[in-house]
Structure formats: C-alpha cells, structure tokens
Amino acid sequence: MAYEHVAGPLGPERQDVLHGILAATIANAARGKGGRRAEPKDFVPTWDQGAKRQPGDWRQMLAQVKAMNARLGGADLREGRP
C-alpha cells in the first residue's frame, strides 16, 4: 500500500490510466481547431462495482442464496431438506 501511495496504482487500474493517457494524446493530435481537448479520464472505463445495496432482512438474503444455489445446480444439505 505504501508503494502504491508513492508510485500510483498497480495492475489493471494503472493500465487503464496509461491507456487513457495514450488515447487522449492520439485524440488531441487528431482534433480540429476549436475542438474540445480530450482528457485521459474520458477514455478510462468505469467498471461495474456490483450491487451497492444489501437486502435488509435475513430472509431476503436467504432467499437470494437459495436462488443462486439452485441456478448453480447446488443441493440444500441442511438437516431435513431434500
């Protein structure tokens, strides 16, 4: 964490930024006069962070787990369950 704090992010996040810089450079070289200047952030994707909201009730969570288990072909191994 300390190294990333000094040197910047490592891995895919850093590659996204580097490719954004490259794409912005190419776009700015090809833009016409008076065109909007491209920024690297214009080319860095925002990846899906997943669902932010968690179900509030344990019964809803259990229903979701059961549904995922069934979709993946799993079996309910709790006592007394088929």
C-alpha atoms as a PDB file:
ATOM      1  CA  MET A   1       0.000   0.000   0.000  1.00  0.00           C
ATOM      2  CA  ALA A   2       2.852   2.364   0.818  1.00  0.00           C
ATOM      3  CA  TYR A   3       4.483   1.740  -2.571  1.00  0.00           C
ATOM      4  CA  GLU A   4       1.219   2.337  -4.412  1.00  0.00           C
ATOM      5  CA  HIS A   5       0.766   5.549  -2.441  1.00  0.00           C
ATOM      6  CA  VAL A   6       4.107   6.789  -3.808  1.00  0.00           C
ATOM      7  CA  ALA A   7       4.189   5.176  -7.274  1.00  0.00           C
ATOM      8  CA  GLY A   8       0.487   5.065  -8.097  1.00  0.00           C
ATOM      9  CA  PRO A   9      -1.860   2.104  -8.568  1.00  0.00           C
ATOM     10  CA  LEU A  10      -0.532  -1.208  -9.858  1.00  0.00           C
ATOM     11  CA  GLY A  11      -2.205  -3.781 -12.068  1.00  0.00           C
ATOM     12  CA  PRO A  12      -5.277  -3.308 -14.272  1.00  0.00           C
ATOM     13  CA  GLU A  13      -6.251   0.059 -12.760  1.00  0.00           C
ATOM     14  CA  ARG A  14      -2.871   1.520 -13.688  1.00  0.00           C
ATOM     15  CA  GLN A  15      -3.083   0.064 -17.181  1.00  0.00           C
ATOM     16  CA  ASP A  16      -6.492   1.691 -17.654  1.00  0.00           C
ATOM     17  CA  VAL A  17      -4.975   5.070 -16.754  1.00  0.00           C
ATOM     18  CA  LEU A  18      -1.948   4.566 -19.026  1.00  0.00           C
ATOM     19  CA  HIS A  19      -4.174   3.603 -21.956  1.00  0.00           C
ATOM     20  CA  GLY A  20      -6.394   6.610 -21.191  1.00  0.00           C
ATOM     21  CA  ILE A  21      -3.342   8.894 -21.447  1.00  0.00           C
ATOM     22  CA  LEU A  22      -2.348   7.303 -24.757  1.00  0.00           C
ATOM     23  CA  ALA A  23      -5.873   7.554 -26.173  1.00  0.00           C
ATOM     24  CA  ALA A  24      -6.181  11.202 -25.073  1.00  0.00           C
ATOM     25  CA  THR A  25      -2.852  12.016 -26.732  1.00  0.00           C
ATOM     26  CA  ILE A  26      -3.972  10.468 -30.014  1.00  0.00           C
ATOM     27  CA  ALA A  27      -7.386  12.144 -29.849  1.00  0.00           C
ATOM     28  CA  ASN A  28      -5.823  15.541 -29.148  1.00  0.00           C
ATOM     29  CA  ALA A  29      -3.379  15.141 -32.037  1.00  0.00           C
ATOM     30  CA  ALA A  30      -6.284  14.361 -34.393  1.00  0.00           C
ATOM     31  CA  ARG A  31      -8.752  17.001 -33.176  1.00  0.00           C
ATOM     32  CA  GLY A  32      -9.533  20.016 -35.265  1.00  0.00           C
ATOM     33  CA  LYS A  33      -9.116  23.626 -34.273  1.00  0.00           C
ATOM     34  CA  GLY A  34     -11.619  24.638 -31.657  1.00  0.00           C
ATOM     35  CA  GLY A  35     -12.353  21.026 -30.749  1.00  0.00           C
ATOM     36  CA  ARG A  36     -12.688  20.006 -27.148  1.00  0.00           C
ATOM     37  CA  ARG A  37      -9.421  18.894 -25.556  1.00  0.00           C
ATOM     38  CA  ALA A  38      -9.645  15.241 -24.514  1.00  0.00           C
ATOM     39  CA  GLU A  39      -8.650  14.205 -21.001  1.00  0.00           C
ATOM     40  CA  PRO A  40      -7.363  10.749 -20.041  1.00  0.00           C
ATOM     41  CA  LYS A  41     -10.422  10.266 -17.798  1.00  0.00           C
ATOM     42  CA  ASP A  42     -12.590  10.475 -20.950  1.00  0.00           C
ATOM     43  CA  PHE A  43     -11.124   7.126 -22.002  1.00  0.00           C
ATOM     44  CA  VAL A  44     -10.858   5.299 -18.672  1.00  0.00           C
ATOM     45  CA  PRO A  45     -13.798   2.922 -18.221  1.00  0.00           C
ATOM     46  CA  THR A  46     -15.889   2.842 -15.077  1.00  0.00           C
ATOM     47  CA  TRP A  47     -16.244  -0.810 -14.234  1.00  0.00           C
ATOM     48  CA  ASP A  48     -19.336  -2.203 -12.580  1.00  0.00           C
ATOM     49  CA  GLN A  49     -18.842  -2.211  -8.828  1.00  0.00           C
ATOM     50  CA  GLY A  50     -21.687  -4.628  -8.212  1.00  0.00           C
ATOM     51  CA  ALA A  51     -24.783  -4.056  -6.176  1.00  0.00           C
ATOM     52  CA  LYS A  52     -24.269  -1.405  -3.536  1.00  0.00           C
ATOM     53  CA  ARG A  53     -27.484  -2.131  -1.648  1.00  0.00           C
ATOM     54  CA  GLN A  54     -27.681  -5.156   0.591  1.00  0.00           C
ATOM     55  CA  PRO A  55     -31.035  -6.700   1.435  1.00  0.00           C
ATOM     56  CA  GLY A  56     -32.113  -5.542   4.857  1.00  0.00           C
ATOM     57  CA  ASP A  57     -33.794  -8.697   6.074  1.00  0.00           C
ATOM     58  CA  TRP A  58     -32.050 -12.044   6.658  1.00  0.00           C
ATOM     59  CA  ARG A  59     -34.982 -13.785   4.983  1.00  0.00           C
ATOM     60  CA  GLN A  60     -34.308 -11.866   1.753  1.00  0.00           C
ATOM     61  CA  MET A  61     -30.632 -12.806   1.938  1.00  0.00           C
ATOM     62  CA  LEU A  62     -31.521 -16.473   2.482  1.00  0.00           C
ATOM     63  CA  ALA A  63     -33.898 -16.382  -0.498  1.00  0.00           C
ATOM     64  CA  GLN A  64     -31.137 -14.934  -2.685  1.00  0.00           C
ATOM     65  CA  VAL A  65     -28.672 -17.602  -1.560  1.00  0.00           C
ATOM     66  CA  LYS A  66     -31.227 -20.343  -2.260  1.00  0.00           C
ATOM     67  CA  ALA A  67     -31.900 -18.923  -5.725  1.00  0.00           C
ATOM     68  CA  MET A  68     -28.176 -18.716  -6.566  1.00  0.00           C
ATOM     69  CA  ASN A  69     -27.640 -22.238  -5.232  1.00  0.00           C
ATOM     70  CA  ALA A  70     -30.473 -23.575  -7.406  1.00  0.00           C
ATOM     71  CA  ARG A  71     -29.179 -21.756 -10.508  1.00  0.00           C
ATOM     72  CA  LEU A  72     -25.754 -23.301  -9.994  1.00  0.00           C
ATOM     73  CA  GLY A  73     -27.222 -26.775  -9.530  1.00  0.00           C
ATOM     74  CA  GLY A  74     -26.399 -26.979  -5.834  1.00  0.00           C
ATOM     75  CA  ALA A  75     -28.176 -29.031  -3.214  1.00  0.00           C
ATOM     76  CA  ASP A  76     -29.572 -27.878   0.122  1.00  0.00           C
ATOM     77  CA  LEU A  77     -27.656 -30.020   2.626  1.00  0.00           C
ATOM     78  CA  ARG A  78     -29.284 -28.641   5.770  1.00  0.00           C
ATOM     79  CA  GLU A  79     -30.844 -31.252   8.039  1.00  0.00           C
ATOM     80  CA  GLY A  80     -34.283 -32.405   6.930  1.00  0.00           C
ATOM     81  CA  ARG A  81     -34.045 -30.776   3.484  1.00  0.00           C
ATOM     82  CA  PRO A  82     -34.348 -32.774   0.241  1.00  0.00           C
END
